[in-house]
N, C-alpha and C. Protein backbone atom coordinates (compact mmCIF):
# COMPACT_ATOMS: atom_id res chain seq x y z
N MET A 1 -18.36 -4.53 -70.60
CA MET A 1 -18.29 -5.19 -69.32
C MET A 1 -16.84 -5.61 -69.06
N THR A 2 -16.33 -5.26 -67.88
CA THR A 2 -14.94 -5.57 -67.56
C THR A 2 -14.85 -6.90 -66.83
N LYS A 3 -13.74 -7.58 -67.06
CA LYS A 3 -13.49 -8.84 -66.36
C LYS A 3 -13.01 -8.53 -64.96
N LYS A 4 -13.28 -9.44 -64.03
CA LYS A 4 -12.88 -9.26 -62.65
C LYS A 4 -11.97 -10.39 -62.22
N THR A 5 -11.06 -10.06 -61.33
CA THR A 5 -10.18 -11.04 -60.73
C THR A 5 -10.61 -11.21 -59.28
N ILE A 6 -10.68 -12.44 -58.82
CA ILE A 6 -11.13 -12.72 -57.46
C ILE A 6 -9.92 -13.06 -56.60
N LEU A 7 -9.86 -12.48 -55.40
CA LEU A 7 -8.79 -12.77 -54.45
C LEU A 7 -9.34 -13.62 -53.32
N ALA A 8 -8.65 -14.73 -53.00
CA ALA A 8 -9.08 -15.64 -51.95
C ALA A 8 -8.04 -15.67 -50.83
N CYS A 9 -8.50 -15.77 -49.61
CA CYS A 9 -7.64 -15.85 -48.44
C CYS A 9 -6.89 -17.19 -48.44
N THR A 10 -5.60 -17.17 -48.14
CA THR A 10 -4.82 -18.40 -48.12
C THR A 10 -5.04 -19.19 -46.83
N GLU A 11 -5.50 -18.53 -45.78
CA GLU A 11 -5.72 -19.21 -44.50
C GLU A 11 -7.03 -19.98 -44.47
N CYS A 12 -8.15 -19.31 -44.78
CA CYS A 12 -9.46 -19.95 -44.67
C CYS A 12 -10.07 -20.29 -46.03
N GLY A 13 -9.56 -19.70 -47.12
CA GLY A 13 -10.05 -20.02 -48.45
C GLY A 13 -11.25 -19.21 -48.90
N SER A 14 -11.72 -18.27 -48.09
CA SER A 14 -12.88 -17.47 -48.48
C SER A 14 -12.48 -16.46 -49.55
N ARG A 15 -13.40 -16.21 -50.45
CA ARG A 15 -13.16 -15.26 -51.55
C ARG A 15 -13.75 -13.92 -51.15
N ASN A 16 -12.86 -13.01 -50.73
CA ASN A 16 -13.29 -11.76 -50.11
C ASN A 16 -13.29 -10.55 -51.03
N TYR A 17 -12.37 -10.50 -51.98
CA TYR A 17 -12.17 -9.28 -52.77
C TYR A 17 -12.26 -9.56 -54.27
N THR A 18 -12.76 -8.56 -55.01
CA THR A 18 -12.72 -8.58 -56.47
C THR A 18 -12.05 -7.30 -56.93
N ILE A 19 -11.21 -7.42 -57.96
CA ILE A 19 -10.53 -6.28 -58.53
C ILE A 19 -10.66 -6.36 -60.04
N PRO A 20 -10.55 -5.24 -60.75
CA PRO A 20 -10.60 -5.29 -62.21
C PRO A 20 -9.41 -6.08 -62.76
N ALA A 21 -9.65 -6.91 -63.76
CA ALA A 21 -8.59 -7.73 -64.34
C ALA A 21 -7.71 -6.87 -65.22
N ASN A 22 -6.44 -7.21 -65.24
CA ASN A 22 -5.47 -6.54 -66.09
C ASN A 22 -5.65 -7.03 -67.52
N GLY A 23 -5.56 -6.17 -68.50
CA GLY A 23 -5.72 -6.55 -69.90
C GLY A 23 -4.62 -7.47 -70.38
N ASN A 24 -3.45 -7.36 -69.80
CA ASN A 24 -2.32 -8.20 -70.18
C ASN A 24 -2.41 -9.54 -69.45
N ARG A 25 -1.93 -10.58 -70.11
CA ARG A 25 -1.88 -11.89 -69.47
C ARG A 25 -0.70 -11.94 -68.50
N GLN A 26 -0.95 -12.36 -67.28
CA GLN A 26 0.11 -12.48 -66.30
C GLN A 26 0.52 -13.94 -66.19
N THR A 27 1.80 -14.19 -65.99
CA THR A 27 2.27 -15.56 -65.86
C THR A 27 2.19 -16.04 -64.42
N ASP A 28 2.28 -15.14 -63.46
CA ASP A 28 2.18 -15.52 -62.06
C ASP A 28 0.94 -14.90 -61.44
N ARG A 29 0.49 -15.49 -60.36
CA ARG A 29 -0.72 -15.01 -59.70
C ARG A 29 -0.40 -13.87 -58.74
N LEU A 30 -1.34 -12.97 -58.63
CA LEU A 30 -1.20 -11.81 -57.77
C LEU A 30 -1.34 -12.24 -56.31
N GLU A 31 -0.46 -11.72 -55.44
CA GLU A 31 -0.54 -11.96 -54.00
C GLU A 31 -0.54 -10.62 -53.29
N VAL A 32 -1.55 -10.38 -52.47
CA VAL A 32 -1.69 -9.11 -51.75
C VAL A 32 -2.06 -9.41 -50.31
N LYS A 33 -1.48 -8.67 -49.38
CA LYS A 33 -1.84 -8.83 -47.98
C LYS A 33 -3.03 -7.92 -47.68
N LYS A 34 -4.19 -8.51 -47.36
CA LYS A 34 -5.41 -7.77 -47.10
C LYS A 34 -6.09 -8.31 -45.85
N PHE A 35 -7.08 -7.58 -45.36
CA PHE A 35 -7.80 -7.99 -44.17
C PHE A 35 -8.87 -9.01 -44.53
N CYS A 36 -8.90 -10.12 -43.80
CA CYS A 36 -9.93 -11.14 -43.97
C CYS A 36 -10.89 -11.04 -42.79
N ARG A 37 -12.15 -10.81 -43.06
CA ARG A 37 -13.11 -10.64 -41.97
C ARG A 37 -13.46 -11.96 -41.29
N TYR A 38 -13.21 -13.08 -41.94
CA TYR A 38 -13.48 -14.38 -41.34
C TYR A 38 -12.35 -14.82 -40.41
N CYS A 39 -11.11 -14.52 -40.77
CA CYS A 39 -9.95 -14.81 -39.93
C CYS A 39 -9.73 -13.71 -38.89
N ASN A 40 -10.30 -12.53 -39.15
CA ASN A 40 -10.15 -11.35 -38.31
C ASN A 40 -8.68 -10.95 -38.18
N ALA A 41 -7.96 -11.02 -39.31
CA ALA A 41 -6.55 -10.67 -39.34
C ALA A 41 -6.14 -10.31 -40.76
N HIS A 42 -4.97 -9.70 -40.90
CA HIS A 42 -4.41 -9.42 -42.21
C HIS A 42 -3.69 -10.68 -42.68
N THR A 43 -4.12 -11.22 -43.81
CA THR A 43 -3.54 -12.43 -44.36
C THR A 43 -3.22 -12.22 -45.84
N VAL A 44 -2.46 -13.14 -46.41
CA VAL A 44 -2.13 -13.08 -47.82
C VAL A 44 -3.33 -13.58 -48.62
N HIS A 45 -3.72 -12.82 -49.63
CA HIS A 45 -4.80 -13.20 -50.53
C HIS A 45 -4.20 -13.45 -51.91
N LYS A 46 -4.54 -14.59 -52.52
CA LYS A 46 -4.02 -14.95 -53.83
C LYS A 46 -5.13 -14.88 -54.88
N GLN A 47 -4.71 -14.61 -56.08
CA GLN A 47 -5.64 -14.57 -57.23
C GLN A 47 -6.12 -15.98 -57.55
N THR A 48 -7.43 -16.13 -57.75
CA THR A 48 -7.99 -17.43 -58.11
C THR A 48 -8.11 -17.53 -59.62
N VAL A 49 -8.40 -18.71 -60.08
CA VAL A 49 -8.49 -18.95 -61.52
C VAL A 49 -9.79 -18.46 -62.08
């Protein structure tokens, strides 16, 4: 079973996307610009804990 990383919208806080977790430990959180269906716009999504 693989671990998953959850991406949350920085504007509304909804957790929209899941991606496979990287095997290596990262020191900083991933930030990706993706479409948020609740904001109806492309916003920055950050990795949650």
